[in-house]
Protein backbone atom coordinates (compact mmCIF):
# COMPACT_ATOMS: atom_id res chain seq x y z
CA UNK A 1 0.00 0.00 0.00
CA UNK A 2 2.94 2.37 0.61
CA UNK A 3 3.78 2.54 -3.08
CA UNK A 4 0.31 3.79 -3.94
CA UNK A 5 0.31 6.52 -1.29
CA UNK A 6 3.45 8.03 -2.82
CA UNK A 7 1.79 8.34 -6.24
CA UNK A 8 0.17 11.71 -5.85
CA UNK A 9 -0.85 13.59 -7.90
CA UNK A 10 -2.26 11.19 -10.50
CA UNK A 11 -3.82 11.77 -13.90
CA UNK A 12 -4.65 9.84 -17.03
CA UNK A 13 -4.11 11.45 -20.41
CA UNK A 14 -1.29 13.24 -22.21
CA UNK A 15 0.33 16.68 -22.32
CA UNK A 16 1.41 18.13 -25.65
CA UNK A 17 3.30 21.30 -26.46
CA UNK A 18 1.74 23.25 -29.32
CA UNK A 19 2.28 26.64 -30.95
CA UNK A 20 -0.71 28.97 -31.09
CA UNK A 21 -1.25 32.55 -32.20
CA UNK A 22 -2.09 35.02 -29.45
CA UNK A 23 -4.87 37.61 -29.31
CA UNK A 24 -2.66 40.71 -29.38
CA UNK A 25 -3.34 42.59 -32.61
CA UNK A 26 0.28 43.57 -33.45
CA UNK A 27 2.27 40.66 -32.05
CA UNK A 28 5.58 40.43 -33.93
CA UNK A 29 6.06 36.74 -33.08
CA UNK A 30 2.68 35.83 -34.59
CA UNK A 31 3.30 38.11 -37.60
CA UNK A 32 6.58 36.26 -38.28
CA UNK A 33 4.82 32.89 -37.93
CA UNK A 34 6.63 31.89 -34.75
CA UNK A 35 3.49 31.89 -32.57
CA UNK A 36 3.60 31.08 -28.85
CA UNK A 37 4.15 27.88 -26.86
CA UNK A 38 1.09 26.45 -25.20
CA UNK A 39 0.37 23.16 -23.47
CA UNK A 40 -2.70 20.99 -24.02
CA UNK A 41 -3.94 18.19 -21.75
CA UNK A 42 -5.86 15.51 -23.66
CA UNK A 43 -8.01 12.99 -21.82
CA UNK A 44 -11.09 10.82 -22.30
CA UNK A 45 -14.41 11.58 -20.66
CA UNK A 46 -17.29 9.16 -21.18
CA UNK A 47 -15.56 7.75 -24.25
CA UNK A 48 -14.95 11.13 -25.89
CA UNK A 49 -11.63 12.90 -26.32
CA UNK A 50 -11.42 16.20 -24.43
CA UNK A 51 -8.68 18.85 -24.28
CA UNK A 52 -7.82 21.60 -21.83
CA UNK A 53 -5.19 24.31 -21.98
CA UNK A 54 -2.58 23.93 -19.27
CA UNK A 55 -0.83 26.89 -17.66
CA UNK A 56 2.91 26.69 -18.38
CA UNK A 57 3.83 26.36 -14.67
CA UNK A 58 1.47 23.39 -14.30
CA UNK A 59 2.79 21.34 -17.25
CA UNK A 60 5.65 19.65 -15.29
CA UNK A 61 3.28 18.77 -12.43
CA UNK A 62 0.76 17.32 -14.87
CA UNK A 63 3.45 15.28 -16.63
CA UNK A 64 4.49 13.83 -13.25
CA UNK A 65 0.81 13.09 -12.47
CA UNK A 66 0.49 11.20 -15.77
CA UNK A 67 3.61 9.13 -15.02
CA UNK A 68 2.18 8.39 -11.56
CA UNK A 69 -1.15 7.43 -13.12
CA UNK A 70 0.58 4.93 -15.40
CA UNK A 71 2.38 3.39 -12.42
CA UNK A 72 -0.91 3.18 -10.53
CA UNK A 73 -2.58 1.41 -13.47
CA UNK A 74 0.32 -1.04 -13.53
CA UNK A 75 -0.11 -1.75 -9.79
CA UNK A 76 -3.87 -2.26 -10.25
CA UNK A 77 -3.29 -4.70 -13.12
CA UNK A 78 -0.85 -6.72 -11.06
CA UNK A 79 -3.13 -6.69 -8.01
CA UNK A 80 -5.77 -8.92 -9.65
CA UNK A 81 -3.32 -11.69 -10.47
CA UNK A 82 -1.66 -11.40 -7.05
CA UNK A 83 -5.05 -11.69 -5.35
CA UNK A 84 -5.80 -14.95 -7.15
CA UNK A 85 -2.35 -16.41 -6.55
CA UNK A 86 -2.47 -15.49 -2.85
CA UNK A 87 -5.91 -17.06 -2.53
CA UNK A 88 -4.70 -20.25 -4.18
CA UNK A 89 -1.71 -20.55 -1.89
CA UNK A 90 -3.69 -19.83 1.30
CA UNK A 91 -6.88 -21.81 0.69
CA UNK A 92 -7.58 -25.50 0.67
CA UNK A 93 -8.00 -26.84 -2.82
CA UNK A 94 -11.43 -28.31 -3.37
CA UNK A 95 -11.61 -31.37 -5.59
CA UNK A 96 -14.33 -30.72 -8.17
CA UNK A 97 -14.50 -34.36 -9.40
PDB file of N, CA and C in Angstrom:
ATOM      1  N   UNK A   1       0.818  -1.194   0.000  1.00  0.00           N
ATOM      2  CA  UNK A   1       0.000   0.000   0.000  1.00  0.00           C
ATOM      3  C   UNK A   1       0.862   1.258   0.000  1.00  0.00           C
ATOM      4  N   UNK A   2       2.063   1.210   0.542  1.00  0.00           N
ATOM      5  CA  UNK A   2       2.935   2.371   0.612  1.00  0.00           C
ATOM      6  C   UNK A   2       3.297   2.941  -0.750  1.00  0.00           C
ATOM      7  N   UNK A   3       3.447   2.073  -1.740  1.00  0.00           N
ATOM      8  CA  UNK A   3       3.783   2.538  -3.085  1.00  0.00           C
ATOM      9  C   UNK A   3       2.681   3.424  -3.647  1.00  0.00           C
ATOM     10  N   UNK A   4       1.452   3.048  -3.401  1.00  0.00           N
ATOM     11  CA  UNK A   4       0.310   3.792  -3.938  1.00  0.00           C
ATOM     12  C   UNK A   4       0.206   5.167  -3.291  1.00  0.00           C
ATOM     13  N   UNK A   5       0.416   5.245  -1.999  1.00  0.00           N
ATOM     14  CA  UNK A   5       0.314   6.520  -1.288  1.00  0.00           C
ATOM     15  C   UNK A   5       1.295   7.563  -1.801  1.00  0.00           C
ATOM     16  N   UNK A   6       2.425   7.114  -2.313  1.00  0.00           N
ATOM     17  CA  UNK A   6       3.451   8.034  -2.819  1.00  0.00           C
ATOM     18  C   UNK A   6       3.127   8.554  -4.220  1.00  0.00           C
ATOM     19  N   UNK A   7       2.121   7.965  -4.870  1.00  0.00           N
ATOM     20  CA  UNK A   7       1.786   8.337  -6.244  1.00  0.00           C
ATOM     21  C   UNK A   7       0.748   9.457  -6.277  1.00  0.00           C
ATOM     22  N   UNK A   8       1.088  10.578  -5.760  1.00  0.00           N
ATOM     23  CA  UNK A   8       0.173  11.713  -5.854  1.00  0.00           C
ATOM     24  C   UNK A   8       0.942  12.908  -6.338  1.00  0.00           C
ATOM     25  N   UNK A   9       0.461  13.658  -7.259  1.00  0.00           N
ATOM     26  CA  UNK A   9      -0.850  13.588  -7.901  1.00  0.00           C
ATOM     27  C   UNK A   9      -0.887  12.528  -8.986  1.00  0.00           C
ATOM     28  N   UNK A  10      -2.091  12.132  -9.400  1.00  0.00           N
ATOM     29  CA  UNK A  10      -2.261  11.185 -10.496  1.00  0.00           C
ATOM     30  C   UNK A  10      -3.185  11.773 -11.554  1.00  0.00           C
ATOM     31  N   UNK A  11      -2.966  11.355 -12.790  1.00  0.00           N
ATOM     32  CA  UNK A  11      -3.820  11.772 -13.900  1.00  0.00           C
ATOM     33  C   UNK A  11      -3.696  10.726 -14.995  1.00  0.00           C
ATOM     34  N   UNK A  12      -4.689  10.716 -15.870  1.00  0.00           N
ATOM     35  CA  UNK A  12      -4.646   9.839 -17.035  1.00  0.00           C
ATOM     36  C   UNK A  12      -4.904  10.704 -18.256  1.00  0.00           C
ATOM     37  N   UNK A  13      -3.997  10.641 -19.207  1.00  0.00           N
ATOM     38  CA  UNK A  13      -4.110  11.449 -20.409  1.00  0.00           C
ATOM     39  C   UNK A  13      -2.727  11.735 -20.949  1.00  0.00           C
ATOM     40  N   UNK A  14      -2.594  12.858 -21.671  1.00  0.00           N
ATOM     41  CA  UNK A  14      -1.293  13.244 -22.213  1.00  0.00           C
ATOM     42  C   UNK A  14      -1.194  14.766 -22.255  1.00  0.00           C
ATOM     43  N   UNK A  15       0.050  15.244 -22.215  1.00  0.00           N
ATOM     44  CA  UNK A  15       0.327  16.680 -22.324  1.00  0.00           C
ATOM     45  C   UNK A  15       1.138  16.883 -23.592  1.00  0.00           C
ATOM     46  N   UNK A  16       0.699  17.823 -24.411  1.00  0.00           N
ATOM     47  CA  UNK A  16       1.409  18.133 -25.649  1.00  0.00           C
ATOM     48  C   UNK A  16       1.747  19.614 -25.690  1.00  0.00           C
ATOM     49  N   UNK A  17       2.915  19.906 -26.234  1.00  0.00           N
ATOM     50  CA  UNK A  17       3.298  21.303 -26.457  1.00  0.00           C
ATOM     51  C   UNK A  17       2.886  21.672 -27.876  1.00  0.00           C
ATOM     52  N   UNK A  18       2.186  22.778 -28.005  1.00  0.00           N
ATOM     53  CA  UNK A  18       1.738  23.253 -29.320  1.00  0.00           C
ATOM     54  C   UNK A  18       2.151  24.709 -29.482  1.00  0.00           C
ATOM     55  N   UNK A  19       2.014  25.213 -30.675  1.00  0.00           N
ATOM     56  CA  UNK A  19       2.275  26.638 -30.952  1.00  0.00           C
ATOM     57  C   UNK A  19       0.981  27.249 -31.441  1.00  0.00           C
ATOM     58  N   UNK A  20       0.565  28.325 -30.782  1.00  0.00           N
ATOM     59  CA  UNK A  20      -0.711  28.970 -31.089  1.00  0.00           C
ATOM     60  C   UNK A  20      -0.504  30.465 -31.266  1.00  0.00           C
ATOM     61  N   UNK A  21      -1.305  31.093 -32.122  1.00  0.00           N
ATOM     62  CA  UNK A  21      -1.248  32.555 -32.203  1.00  0.00           C
ATOM     63  C   UNK A  21      -1.912  33.163 -30.968  1.00  0.00           C
ATOM     64  N   UNK A  22      -1.492  34.349 -30.611  1.00  0.00           N
ATOM     65  CA  UNK A  22      -2.088  35.018 -29.454  1.00  0.00           C
ATOM     66  C   UNK A  22      -3.192  35.969 -29.915  1.00  0.00           C
ATOM     67  N   UNK A  23      -3.772  36.705 -28.974  1.00  0.00           N
ATOM     68  CA  UNK A  23      -4.875  37.611 -29.311  1.00  0.00           C
ATOM     69  C   UNK A  23      -4.429  39.064 -29.447  1.00  0.00           C
ATOM     70  N   UNK A  24      -3.145  39.326 -29.236  1.00  0.00           N
ATOM     71  CA  UNK A  24      -2.658  40.709 -29.378  1.00  0.00           C
ATOM     72  C   UNK A  24      -2.644  41.093 -30.853  1.00  0.00           C
ATOM     73  N   UNK A  25      -3.191  42.227 -31.193  1.00  0.00           N
ATOM     74  CA  UNK A  25      -3.336  42.593 -32.608  1.00  0.00           C
ATOM     75  C   UNK A  25      -2.025  42.793 -33.368  1.00  0.00           C
ATOM     76  N   UNK A  26      -0.976  43.295 -32.738  1.00  0.00           N
ATOM     77  CA  UNK A  26       0.277  43.570 -33.453  1.00  0.00           C
ATOM     78  C   UNK A  26       1.450  42.762 -32.913  1.00  0.00           C
ATOM     79  N   UNK A  27       1.223  41.508 -32.618  1.00  0.00           N
ATOM     80  CA  UNK A  27       2.272  40.659 -32.055  1.00  0.00           C
ATOM     81  C   UNK A  27       3.290  40.325 -33.142  1.00  0.00           C
ATOM     82  N   UNK A  28       4.548  40.679 -32.916  1.00  0.00           N
ATOM     83  CA  UNK A  28       5.581  40.431 -33.927  1.00  0.00           C
ATOM     84  C   UNK A  28       5.874  38.936 -34.086  1.00  0.00           C
ATOM     85  N   UNK A  29       5.812  38.182 -32.992  1.00  0.00           N
ATOM     86  CA  UNK A  29       6.062  36.737 -33.083  1.00  0.00           C
ATOM     87  C   UNK A  29       5.013  36.073 -33.970  1.00  0.00           C
ATOM     88  N   UNK A  30       3.757  36.418 -33.781  1.00  0.00           N
ATOM     89  CA  UNK A  30       2.685  35.833 -34.592  1.00  0.00           C
ATOM     90  C   UNK A  30       2.797  36.306 -36.047  1.00  0.00           C
ATOM     91  N   UNK A  31       3.156  37.569 -36.245  1.00  0.00           N
ATOM     92  CA  UNK A  31       3.297  38.107 -37.598  1.00  0.00           C
ATOM     93  C   UNK A  31       4.410  37.392 -38.355  1.00  0.00           C
ATOM     94  N   UNK A  32       5.467  36.982 -37.651  1.00  0.00           N
ATOM     95  CA  UNK A  32       6.580  36.258 -38.276  1.00  0.00           C
ATOM     96  C   UNK A  32       6.313  34.759 -38.377  1.00  0.00           C
ATOM     97  N   UNK A  33       5.170  34.312 -37.854  1.00  0.00           N
ATOM     98  CA  UNK A  33       4.817  32.895 -37.934  1.00  0.00           C
ATOM     99  C   UNK A  33       5.388  32.037 -36.820  1.00  0.00           C
ATOM    100  N   UNK A  34       6.035  32.656 -35.839  1.00  0.00           N
ATOM    101  CA  UNK A  34       6.627  31.888 -34.749  1.00  0.00           C
ATOM    102  C   UNK A  34       5.592  31.412 -33.737  1.00  0.00           C
ATOM    103  N   UNK A  35       4.564  32.198 -33.508  1.00  0.00           N
ATOM    104  CA  UNK A  35       3.488  31.895 -32.567  1.00  0.00           C
ATOM    105  C   UNK A  35       4.035  31.712 -31.152  1.00  0.00           C
ATOM    106  N   UNK A  36       3.232  31.186 -30.258  1.00  0.00           N
ATOM    107  CA  UNK A  36       3.603  31.077 -28.847  1.00  0.00           C
ATOM    108  C   UNK A  36       3.396  29.650 -28.365  1.00  0.00           C
ATOM    109  N   UNK A  37       4.278  29.208 -27.448  1.00  0.00           N
ATOM    110  CA  UNK A  37       4.151  27.881 -26.861  1.00  0.00           C
ATOM    111  C   UNK A  37       2.901  27.836 -25.992  1.00  0.00           C
ATOM    112  N   UNK A  38       2.219  26.718 -26.083  1.00  0.00           N
ATOM    113  CA  UNK A  38       1.087  26.450 -25.202  1.00  0.00           C
ATOM    114  C   UNK A  38       1.096  24.949 -24.919  1.00  0.00           C
ATOM    115  N   UNK A  39       0.448  24.567 -23.843  1.00  0.00           N
ATOM    116  CA  UNK A  39       0.367  23.159 -23.471  1.00  0.00           C
ATOM    117  C   UNK A  39      -1.097  22.737 -23.439  1.00  0.00           C
ATOM    118  N   UNK A  40      -1.345  21.544 -23.947  1.00  0.00           N
ATOM    119  CA  UNK A  40      -2.699  20.993 -24.021  1.00  0.00           C
ATOM    120  C   UNK A  40      -2.712  19.657 -23.278  1.00  0.00           C
ATOM    121  N   UNK A  41      -3.704  19.469 -22.427  1.00  0.00           N
ATOM    122  CA  UNK A  41      -3.936  18.194 -21.749  1.00  0.00           C
ATOM    123  C   UNK A  41      -5.084  17.502 -22.469  1.00  0.00           C
ATOM    124  N   UNK A  42      -4.837  16.298 -22.983  1.00  0.00           N
ATOM    125  CA  UNK A  42      -5.861  15.510 -23.663  1.00  0.00           C
ATOM    126  C   UNK A  42      -6.231  14.327 -22.781  1.00  0.00           C
ATOM    127  N   UNK A  43      -7.530  14.080 -22.657  1.00  0.00           N
ATOM    128  CA  UNK A  43      -8.014  12.985 -21.821  1.00  0.00           C
ATOM    129  C   UNK A  43      -9.354  12.503 -22.373  1.00  0.00           C
ATOM    130  N   UNK A  44      -9.802  11.367 -21.887  1.00  0.00           N
ATOM    131  CA  UNK A  44     -11.093  10.818 -22.301  1.00  0.00           C
ATOM    132  C   UNK A  44     -12.113  11.018 -21.197  1.00  0.00           C
ATOM    133  N   UNK A  45     -13.299  11.425 -21.601  1.00  0.00           N
ATOM    134  CA  UNK A  45     -14.410  11.583 -20.663  1.00  0.00           C
ATOM    135  C   UNK A  45     -15.641  10.949 -21.299  1.00  0.00           C
ATOM    136  N   UNK A  46     -16.126   9.890 -20.668  1.00  0.00           N
ATOM    137  CA  UNK A  46     -17.287   9.156 -21.182  1.00  0.00           C
ATOM    138  C   UNK A  46     -17.077   8.735 -22.633  1.00  0.00           C
ATOM    139  N   UNK A  47     -15.867   8.258 -22.930  1.00  0.00           N
ATOM    140  CA  UNK A  47     -15.561   7.751 -24.253  1.00  0.00           C
ATOM    141  C   UNK A  47     -15.256   8.803 -25.312  1.00  0.00           C
ATOM    142  N   UNK A  48     -15.234  10.059 -24.933  1.00  0.00           N
ATOM    143  CA  UNK A  48     -14.949  11.134 -25.893  1.00  0.00           C
ATOM    144  C   UNK A  48     -13.664  11.842 -25.517  1.00  0.00           C
ATOM    145  N   UNK A  49     -12.892  12.202 -26.524  1.00  0.00           N
ATOM    146  CA  UNK A  49     -11.628  12.899 -26.316  1.00  0.00           C
ATOM    147  C   UNK A  49     -11.902  14.351 -25.953  1.00  0.00           C
ATOM    148  N   UNK A  50     -11.286  14.819 -24.898  1.00  0.00           N
ATOM    149  CA  UNK A  50     -11.418  16.196 -24.432  1.00  0.00           C
ATOM    150  C   UNK A  50     -10.032  16.809 -24.308  1.00  0.00           C
ATOM    151  N   UNK A  51      -9.958  18.138 -24.401  1.00  0.00           N
ATOM    152  CA  UNK A  51      -8.682  18.847 -24.278  1.00  0.00           C
ATOM    153  C   UNK A  51      -8.880  20.084 -23.416  1.00  0.00           C
ATOM    154  N   UNK A  52      -7.844  20.394 -22.655  1.00  0.00           N
ATOM    155  CA  UNK A  52      -7.816  21.598 -21.832  1.00  0.00           C
ATOM    156  C   UNK A  52      -6.462  22.276 -21.995  1.00  0.00           C
ATOM    157  N   UNK A  53      -6.464  23.590 -22.022  1.00  0.00           N
ATOM    158  CA  UNK A  53      -5.192  24.315 -21.984  1.00  0.00           C
ATOM    159  C   UNK A  53      -4.607  24.186 -20.587  1.00  0.00           C
ATOM    160  N   UNK A  54      -3.291  24.093 -20.529  1.00  0.00           N
ATOM    161  CA  UNK A  54      -2.584  23.930 -19.271  1.00  0.00           C
ATOM    162  C   UNK A  54      -1.689  25.136 -19.068  1.00  0.00           C
ATOM    163  N   UNK A  55      -1.771  25.802 -17.922  1.00  0.00           N
ATOM    164  CA  UNK A  55      -0.825  26.891 -17.657  1.00  0.00           C
ATOM    165  C   UNK A  55       0.611  26.345 -17.683  1.00  0.00           C
ATOM    166  N   UNK A  56       1.517  27.119 -18.207  1.00  0.00           N
ATOM    167  CA  UNK A  56       2.910  26.685 -18.376  1.00  0.00           C
ATOM    168  C   UNK A  56       3.514  26.138 -17.076  1.00  0.00           C
ATOM    169  N   UNK A  57       3.254  26.795 -15.953  1.00  0.00           N
ATOM    170  CA  UNK A  57       3.830  26.365 -14.671  1.00  0.00           C
ATOM    171  C   UNK A  57       3.279  25.006 -14.221  1.00  0.00           C
ATOM    172  N   UNK A  58       2.098  24.635 -14.713  1.00  0.00           N
ATOM    173  CA  UNK A  58       1.465  23.388 -14.297  1.00  0.00           C
ATOM    174  C   UNK A  58       1.865  22.193 -15.165  1.00  0.00           C
ATOM    175  N   UNK A  59       2.443  22.424 -16.334  1.00  0.00           N
ATOM    176  CA  UNK A  59       2.794  21.336 -17.253  1.00  0.00           C
ATOM    177  C   UNK A  59       3.718  20.289 -16.624  1.00  0.00           C
ATOM    178  N   UNK A  60       4.795  20.673 -15.908  1.00  0.00           N
ATOM    179  CA  UNK A  60       5.646  19.646 -15.294  1.00  0.00           C
ATOM    180  C   UNK A  60       4.916  18.831 -14.225  1.00  0.00           C
ATOM    181  N   UNK A  61       4.054  19.477 -13.463  1.00  0.00           N
ATOM    182  CA  UNK A  61       3.279  18.770 -12.433  1.00  0.00           C
ATOM    183  C   UNK A  61       2.333  17.774 -13.094  1.00  0.00           C
ATOM    184  N   UNK A  62       1.689  18.195 -14.170  1.00  0.00           N
ATOM    185  CA  UNK A  62       0.761  17.320 -14.872  1.00  0.00           C
ATOM    186  C   UNK A  62       1.487  16.144 -15.517  1.00  0.00           C
ATOM    187  N   UNK A  63       2.662  16.390 -16.051  1.00  0.00           N
ATOM    188  CA  UNK A  63       3.447  15.281 -16.627  1.00  0.00           C
ATOM    189  C   UNK A  63       3.813  14.258 -15.545  1.00  0.00           C
ATOM    190  N   UNK A  64       4.190  14.738 -14.361  1.00  0.00           N
ATOM    191  CA  UNK A  64       4.495  13.827 -13.247  1.00  0.00           C
ATOM    192  C   UNK A  64       3.231  13.052 -12.846  1.00  0.00           C
ATOM    193  N   UNK A  65       2.083  13.739 -12.816  1.00  0.00           N
ATOM    194  CA  UNK A  65       0.815  13.089 -12.469  1.00  0.00           C
ATOM    195  C   UNK A  65       0.472  11.986 -13.471  1.00  0.00           C
ATOM    196  N   UNK A  66       0.748  12.217 -14.746  1.00  0.00           N
ATOM    197  CA  UNK A  66       0.489  11.203 -15.773  1.00  0.00           C
ATOM    198  C   UNK A  66       1.402  10.000 -15.584  1.00  0.00           C
ATOM    199  N   UNK A  67       2.686  10.252 -15.303  1.00  0.00           N
ATOM    200  CA  UNK A  67       3.612   9.134 -15.021  1.00  0.00           C
ATOM    201  C   UNK A  67       3.120   8.344 -13.808  1.00  0.00           C
ATOM    202  N   UNK A  68       2.695   9.052 -12.765  1.00  0.00           N
ATOM    203  CA  UNK A  68       2.180   8.386 -11.565  1.00  0.00           C
ATOM    204  C   UNK A  68       0.922   7.587 -11.885  1.00  0.00           C
ATOM    205  N   UNK A  69       0.065   8.138 -12.727  1.00  0.00           N
ATOM    206  CA  UNK A  69      -1.151   7.428 -13.120  1.00  0.00           C
ATOM    207  C   UNK A  69      -0.840   6.134 -13.849  1.00  0.00           C
ATOM    208  N   UNK A  70       0.183   6.154 -14.687  1.00  0.00           N
ATOM    209  CA  UNK A  70       0.583   4.931 -15.402  1.00  0.00           C
ATOM    210  C   UNK A  70       1.108   3.883 -14.423  1.00  0.00           C
ATOM    211  N   UNK A  71       1.892   4.331 -13.442  1.00  0.00           N
ATOM    212  CA  UNK A  71       2.382   3.391 -12.423  1.00  0.00           C
ATOM    213  C   UNK A  71       1.214   2.806 -11.631  1.00  0.00           C
ATOM    214  N   UNK A  72       0.249   3.650 -11.287  1.00  0.00           N
ATOM    215  CA  UNK A  72      -0.909   3.184 -10.533  1.00  0.00           C
ATOM    216  C   UNK A  72      -1.701   2.149 -11.338  1.00  0.00           C
ATOM    217  N   UNK A  73      -1.896   2.392 -12.616  1.00  0.00           N
ATOM    218  CA  UNK A  73      -2.582   1.407 -13.470  1.00  0.00           C
ATOM    219  C   UNK A  73      -1.825   0.083 -13.505  1.00  0.00           C
ATOM    220  N   UNK A  74      -0.501   0.171 -13.533  1.00  0.00           N
ATOM    221  CA  UNK A  74       0.321  -1.044 -13.532  1.00  0.00           C
ATOM    222  C   UNK A  74       0.116  -1.814 -12.228  1.00  0.00           C
ATOM    223  N   UNK A  75       0.112  -1.108 -11.097  1.00  0.00           N
ATOM    224  CA  UNK A  75      -0.112  -1.747  -9.794  1.00  0.00           C
ATOM    225  C   UNK A  75      -1.494  -2.401  -9.741  1.00  0.00           C
ATOM    226  N   UNK A  76      -2.506  -1.732 -10.254  1.00  0.00           N
ATOM    227  CA  UNK A  76      -3.867  -2.265 -10.250  1.00  0.00           C
ATOM    228  C   UNK A  76      -3.941  -3.528 -11.095  1.00  0.00           C
ATOM    229  N   UNK A  77      -3.295  -3.519 -12.260  1.00  0.00           N
ATOM    230  CA  UNK A  77      -3.293  -4.697 -13.124  1.00  0.00           C
ATOM    231  C   UNK A  77      -2.652  -5.892 -12.435  1.00  0.00           C
ATOM    232  N   UNK A  78      -1.545  -5.640 -11.761  1.00  0.00           N
ATOM    233  CA  UNK A  78      -0.850  -6.718 -11.059  1.00  0.00           C
ATOM    234  C   UNK A  78      -1.650  -7.222  -9.863  1.00  0.00           C
ATOM    235  N   UNK A  79      -2.414  -6.343  -9.229  1.00  0.00           N
ATOM    236  CA  UNK A  79      -3.131  -6.693  -8.007  1.00  0.00           C
ATOM    237  C   UNK A  79      -4.129  -7.826  -8.235  1.00  0.00           C
ATOM    238  N   UNK A  80      -4.800  -7.863  -9.376  1.00  0.00           N
ATOM    239  CA  UNK A  80      -5.769  -8.919  -9.645  1.00  0.00           C
ATOM    240  C   UNK A  80      -5.116 -10.289  -9.672  1.00  0.00           C
ATOM    241  N   UNK A  81      -4.027 -10.414 -10.393  1.00  0.00           N
ATOM    242  CA  UNK A  81      -3.317 -11.694 -10.468  1.00  0.00           C
ATOM    243  C   UNK A  81      -2.757 -12.078  -9.097  1.00  0.00           C
ATOM    244  N   UNK A  82      -2.205 -11.107  -8.376  1.00  0.00           N
ATOM    245  CA  UNK A  82      -1.655 -11.395  -7.047  1.00  0.00           C
ATOM    246  C   UNK A  82      -2.739 -11.858  -6.083  1.00  0.00           C
ATOM    247  N   UNK A  83      -3.931 -11.289  -6.197  1.00  0.00           N
ATOM    248  CA  UNK A  83      -5.050 -11.693  -5.350  1.00  0.00           C
ATOM    249  C   UNK A  83      -5.402 -13.159  -5.573  1.00  0.00           C
ATOM    250  N   UNK A  84      -5.472 -13.556  -6.831  1.00  0.00           N
ATOM    251  CA  UNK A  84      -5.805 -14.949  -7.151  1.00  0.00           C
ATOM    252  C   UNK A  84      -4.706 -15.889  -6.682  1.00  0.00           C
ATOM    253  N   UNK A  85      -3.459 -15.538  -6.948  1.00  0.00           N
ATOM    254  CA  UNK A  85      -2.347 -16.407  -6.552  1.00  0.00           C
ATOM    255  C   UNK A  85      -2.259 -16.534  -5.028  1.00  0.00           C
ATOM    256  N   UNK A  86      -2.486 -15.444  -4.320  1.00  0.00           N
ATOM    257  CA  UNK A  86      -2.468 -15.494  -2.849  1.00  0.00           C
ATOM    258  C   UNK A  86      -3.607 -16.380  -2.336  1.00  0.00           C
ATOM    259  N   UNK A  87      -4.764 -16.245  -2.933  1.00  0.00           N
ATOM    260  CA  UNK A  87      -5.908 -17.058  -2.530  1.00  0.00           C
ATOM    261  C   UNK A  87      -5.618 -18.534  -2.750  1.00  0.00           C
ATOM    262  N   UNK A  88      -5.029 -18.852  -3.890  1.00  0.00           N
ATOM    263  CA  UNK A  88      -4.703 -20.251  -4.185  1.00  0.00           C
ATOM    264  C   UNK A  88      -3.719 -20.826  -3.179  1.00  0.00           C
ATOM    265  N   UNK A  89      -2.732 -20.035  -2.802  1.00  0.00           N
ATOM    266  CA  UNK A  89      -1.706 -20.554  -1.887  1.00  0.00           C
ATOM    267  C   UNK A  89      -2.215 -20.648  -0.446  1.00  0.00           C
ATOM    268  N   UNK A  90      -3.195 -19.849  -0.083  1.00  0.00           N
ATOM    269  CA  UNK A  90      -3.692 -19.834   1.296  1.00  0.00           C
ATOM    270  C   UNK A  90      -4.890 -20.746   1.523  1.00  0.00           C
ATOM    271  N   UNK A  91      -5.645 -21.053   0.484  1.00  0.00           N
ATOM    272  CA  UNK A  91      -6.880 -21.813   0.686  1.00  0.00           C
ATOM    273  C   UNK A  91      -6.652 -23.293   0.445  1.00  0.00           C
ATOM    274  N   UNK A  92      -7.596 -24.067   0.917  1.00  0.00           N
ATOM    275  CA  UNK A  92      -7.576 -25.502   0.670  1.00  0.00           C
ATOM    276  C   UNK A  92      -8.169 -25.730  -0.715  1.00  0.00           C
ATOM    277  N   UNK A  93      -7.508 -26.546  -1.478  1.00  0.00           N
ATOM    278  CA  UNK A  93      -7.998 -26.837  -2.825  1.00  0.00           C
ATOM    279  C   UNK A  93      -9.158 -27.800  -2.730  1.00  0.00           C
ATOM    280  N   UNK A  94     -10.250 -27.468  -3.366  1.00  0.00           N
ATOM    281  CA  UNK A  94     -11.427 -28.311  -3.375  1.00  0.00           C
ATOM    282  C   UNK A  94     -11.415 -29.161  -4.628  1.00  0.00           C
ATOM    283  N   UNK A  95     -11.581 -30.446  -4.457  1.00  0.00           N
ATOM    284  CA  UNK A  95     -11.609 -31.368  -5.591  1.00  0.00           C
ATOM    285  C   UNK A  95     -12.983 -31.313  -6.227  1.00  0.00           C
ATOM    286  N   UNK A  96     -13.064 -30.888  -7.481  1.00  0.00           N
ATOM    287  CA  UNK A  96     -14.331 -30.717  -8.168  1.00  0.00           C
ATOM    288  C   UNK A  96     -14.806 -32.001  -8.869  1.00  0.00           C
ATOM    289  N   UNK A  97     -14.089 -33.134  -8.714  1.00  0.00           N
ATOM    290  CA  UNK A  97     -14.501 -34.360  -9.395  1.00  0.00           C
ATOM    291  C   UNK A  97     -15.391 -35.195  -8.535  1.00  0.00           C
TER     292      UNK A  97
END
